[in-house]
Structures are given as structure tokens and as C-alpha cells.
C-alpha atoms as a PDB file:
ATOM      1  CA  UNK A   1      18.330 112.754 -24.446  1.00  0.00           C
ATOM      2  CA  UNK A   2      21.678 112.743 -26.640  1.00  0.00           C
ATOM      3  CA  UNK A   3      23.892 110.078 -26.901  1.00  0.00           C
ATOM      4  CA  UNK A   4      26.635 111.989 -24.746  1.00  0.00           C
ATOM      5  CA  UNK A   5      23.891 112.408 -22.152  1.00  0.00           C
ATOM      6  CA  UNK A   6      23.057 108.556 -22.453  1.00  0.00           C
ATOM      7  CA  UNK A   7      26.569 107.613 -21.977  1.00  0.00           C
ATOM      8  CA  UNK A   8      26.841 109.409 -18.944  1.00  0.00           C
ATOM      9  CA  UNK A   9      23.681 108.231 -17.267  1.00  0.00           C
ATOM     10  CA  UNK A  10      24.750 104.449 -17.915  1.00  0.00           C
ATOM     11  CA  UNK A  11      27.949 105.279 -16.482  1.00  0.00           C
ATOM     12  CA  UNK A  12      26.324 106.803 -13.374  1.00  0.00           C
ATOM     13  CA  UNK A  13      23.944 103.990 -13.130  1.00  0.00           C
ATOM     14  CA  UNK A  14      26.885 101.108 -13.383  1.00  0.00           C
ATOM     15  CA  UNK A  15      28.798 103.310 -10.499  1.00  0.00           C
ATOM     16  CA  UNK A  16      25.675 103.481  -8.540  1.00  0.00           C
ATOM     17  CA  UNK A  17      23.917 100.004  -9.143  1.00  0.00           C
ATOM     18  CA  UNK A  18      26.274  97.918 -10.980  1.00  0.00           C
ATOM     19  CA  UNK A  19      29.235  98.249  -9.100  1.00  0.00           C
ATOM     20  CA  UNK A  20      31.626  98.142 -12.288  1.00  0.00           C
ATOM     21  CA  UNK A  21      31.621  97.159 -15.965  1.00  0.00           C
ATOM     22  CA  UNK A  22      31.849  93.781 -17.220  1.00  0.00           C
ATOM     23  CA  UNK A  23      34.852  93.582 -19.234  1.00  0.00           C
ATOM     24  CA  UNK A  24      34.831  94.368 -22.901  1.00  0.00           C
ATOM     25  CA  UNK A  25      34.534  90.598 -23.897  1.00  0.00           C
ATOM     26  CA  UNK A  26      31.406  89.690 -21.299  1.00  0.00           C
ATOM     27  CA  UNK A  27      29.842  92.886 -22.501  1.00  0.00           C
ATOM     28  CA  UNK A  28      30.456  91.857 -26.136  1.00  0.00           C
ATOM     29  CA  UNK A  29      28.954  88.810 -25.565  1.00  0.00           C
ATOM     30  CA  UNK A  30      26.055  90.442 -23.790  1.00  0.00           C
ATOM     31  CA  UNK A  31      25.681  92.553 -27.039  1.00  0.00           C
ATOM     32  CA  UNK A  32      25.348  89.116 -29.020  1.00  0.00           C
ATOM     33  CA  UNK A  33      22.728  87.837 -26.971  1.00  0.00           C
ATOM     34  CA  UNK A  34      20.483  90.942 -26.902  1.00  0.00           C
ATOM     35  CA  UNK A  35      20.846  91.451 -30.814  1.00  0.00           C
ATOM     36  CA  UNK A  36      19.904  87.924 -30.913  1.00  0.00           C
ATOM     37  CA  UNK A  37      16.513  88.577 -28.750  1.00  0.00           C
ATOM     38  CA  UNK A  38      15.877  91.563 -31.139  1.00  0.00           C
ATOM     39  CA  UNK A  39      16.283  88.777 -34.225  1.00  0.00           C
ATOM     40  CA  UNK A  40      14.130  86.391 -32.697  1.00  0.00           C
ATOM     41  CA  UNK A  41      11.313  89.067 -32.528  1.00  0.00           C
ATOM     42  CA  UNK A  42      11.685  90.300 -35.599  1.00  0.00           C
ATOM     43  CA  UNK A  43      11.916  87.135 -37.399  1.00  0.00           C
ATOM     44  CA  UNK A  44       8.649  85.890 -35.748  1.00  0.00           C
ATOM     45  CA  UNK A  45       6.759  88.857 -35.510  1.00  0.00           C
ATOM     46  CA  UNK A  46       7.770  90.248 -38.824  1.00  0.00           C
ATOM     47  CA  UNK A  47       9.348  87.392 -40.985  1.00  0.00           C
ATOM     48  CA  UNK A  48       8.114  84.399 -41.947  1.00  0.00           C
ATOM     49  CA  UNK A  49       8.730  82.283 -39.043  1.00  0.00           C
ATOM     50  CA  UNK A  50       5.606  81.671 -36.502  1.00  0.00           C
ATOM     51  CA  UNK A  51       5.533  83.375 -33.596  1.00  0.00           C
ATOM     52  CA  UNK A  52       5.636  81.228 -30.439  1.00  0.00           C
ATOM     53  CA  UNK A  53       2.975  81.852 -27.534  1.00  0.00           C
ATOM     54  CA  UNK A  54       5.918  82.447 -25.250  1.00  0.00           C
ATOM     55  CA  UNK A  55       7.368  85.268 -27.833  1.00  0.00           C
ATOM     56  CA  UNK A  56       4.056  87.168 -28.072  1.00  0.00           C
ATOM     57  CA  UNK A  57       4.535  89.333 -24.933  1.00  0.00           C
ATOM     58  CA  UNK A  58       8.121  90.192 -25.601  1.00  0.00           C
ATOM     59  CA  UNK A  59       8.571  93.902 -26.056  1.00  0.00           C
ATOM     60  CA  UNK A  60      10.690  94.937 -29.102  1.00  0.00           C
ATOM     61  CA  UNK A  61      11.464  98.412 -27.502  1.00  0.00           C
ATOM     62  CA  UNK A  62      12.774  96.706 -24.405  1.00  0.00           C
ATOM     63  CA  UNK A  63      15.372  94.582 -26.265  1.00  0.00           C
ATOM     64  CA  UNK A  64      16.239  97.518 -28.670  1.00  0.00           C
ATOM     65  CA  UNK A  65      16.962  99.351 -25.585  1.00  0.00           C
ATOM     66  CA  UNK A  66      19.149  96.368 -24.122  1.00  0.00           C
ATOM     67  CA  UNK A  67      21.009  96.542 -27.048  1.00  0.00           C
ATOM     68  CA  UNK A  68      21.581 100.486 -26.900  1.00  0.00           C
ATOM     69  CA  UNK A  69      22.461  99.966 -23.052  1.00  0.00           C
ATOM     70  CA  UNK A  70      25.277  97.399 -23.979  1.00  0.00           C
ATOM     71  CA  UNK A  71      26.612  99.718 -26.819  1.00  0.00           C
ATOM     72  CA  UNK A  72      27.012 102.595 -24.610  1.00  0.00           C
ATOM     73  CA  UNK A  73      28.618 100.473 -22.004  1.00  0.00           C
ATOM     74  CA  UNK A  74      31.274  99.247 -24.474  1.00  0.00           C
ATOM     75  CA  UNK A  75      31.752 102.708 -25.731  1.00  0.00           C
ATOM     76  CA  UNK A  76      32.412 104.187 -22.126  1.00  0.00           C
ATOM     77  CA  UNK A  77      34.707 101.220 -21.267  1.00  0.00           C
ATOM     78  CA  UNK A  78      36.865 102.000 -24.497  1.00  0.00           C
ATOM     79  CA  UNK A  79      36.962 105.577 -24.101  1.00  0.00           C
ATOM     80  CA  UNK A  80      34.805 106.128 -27.262  1.00  0.00           C
ATOM     81  CA  UNK A  81      32.805 109.542 -27.377  1.00  0.00           C
ATOM     82  CA  UNK A  82      29.734 107.849 -29.261  1.00  0.00           C
ATOM     83  CA  UNK A  83      28.209 111.471 -30.030  1.00  0.00           C
ATOM     84  CA  UNK A  84      30.970 112.321 -31.862  1.00  0.00           C
ATOM     85  CA  UNK A  85      31.289 109.180 -33.571  1.00  0.00           C
ATOM     86  CA  UNK A  86      27.561 109.128 -34.513  1.00  0.00           C
ATOM     87  CA  UNK A  87      27.915 112.823 -36.052  1.00  0.00           C
ATOM     88  CA  UNK A  88      30.883 111.926 -37.882  1.00  0.00           C
ATOM     89  CA  UNK A  89      29.195 108.415 -39.192  1.00  0.00           C
ATOM     90  CA  UNK A  90      26.165 110.412 -40.239  1.00  0.00           C
ATOM     91  CA  UNK A  91      28.342 113.166 -42.014  1.00  0.00           C
ATOM     92  CA  UNK A  92      30.255 110.385 -43.949  1.00  0.00           C
ATOM     93  CA  UNK A  93      26.486 108.600 -44.815  1.00  0.00           C
ATOM     94  CA  UNK A  94      24.919 111.989 -45.819  1.00  0.00           C
ATOM     95  CA  UNK A  95      27.687 112.907 -48.299  1.00  0.00           C
ATOM     96  CA  UNK A  96      28.412 109.355 -49.619  1.00  0.00           C
ATOM     97  CA  UNK A  97      24.771 108.094 -50.029  1.00  0.00           C
ATOM     98  CA  UNK A  98      22.818 111.451 -50.945  1.00  0.00           C
ATOM     99  CA  UNK A  99      22.235 110.099 -54.420  1.00  0.00           C
ATOM    100  CA  UNK A 100      22.924 106.554 -53.913  1.00  0.00           C
ATOM    101  CA  UNK A 101      19.745 105.844 -52.671  1.00  0.00           C
ATOM    102  CA  UNK A 102      17.753 108.524 -54.666  1.00  0.00           C
ATOM    103  CA  UNK A 103      19.124 106.824 -57.388  1.00  0.00           C
ATOM    104  CA  UNK A 104      18.175 102.836 -56.850  1.00  0.00           C
ATOM    105  CA  UNK A 105      15.743 101.590 -58.834  1.00  0.00           C
ATOM    106  CA  UNK A 106      15.195  98.604 -56.131  1.00  0.00           C
ATOM    107  CA  UNK A 107      13.679 101.217 -53.638  1.00  0.00           C
ATOM    108  CA  UNK A 108      11.249 102.860 -56.357  1.00  0.00           C
END
């Protein structure tokens, strides 16, 4: 599924199951919360913090999907074609960073 289709799927889900989009500020707060849940898993599972027993069953993929869902909601409600924006960003990064990372001694 491409991003454009994902945006349509989220919009359909909101209309069929969610009644309406939360306002942009509420969705921004939700996005922050979901990113925090991802950070908690990463910090404990891959970082130096010890993982609490209650966190061991947390699904990183599910939490990342929550982040994507809210990002798609924000794109939909603000009129952003995220597929176009992503493609443009990838082109920009490809052109700008092609040699930058290849020549970075820190990455060797």
C-alpha cells in the first residue's frame, strides 16, 4: 500500500468508525503521546535503561503503526498529500545527501 492509499484508508476508517477527526491540536497531542511510547520501548529494549516487566510485551511495530496512523490523520485534516510530500523529500535528501553520508568518516 502506498501513502496515498493509506491516507484514503484512514479517512474511510475515520468516517465509518471514528465519527470525525479529532481537532489538529488533539491529534498533535496524541502524536506526541505515541512517539513517547515508541521512545520508551526503544530506550528500554535497545538503550541502556532496564526494561520493566510491564514493558516486555509491548509491540514496537504496533506503536510505530500508531504514530503512522496519527500522522496520516494530521495530513488528511490539513490537506497534505503525504505521498507527494514524501516523494519530494526523498528526492531532496537523495540529491543533497548522496555524497555526504558516503564521505562521513563517522559512519565507516
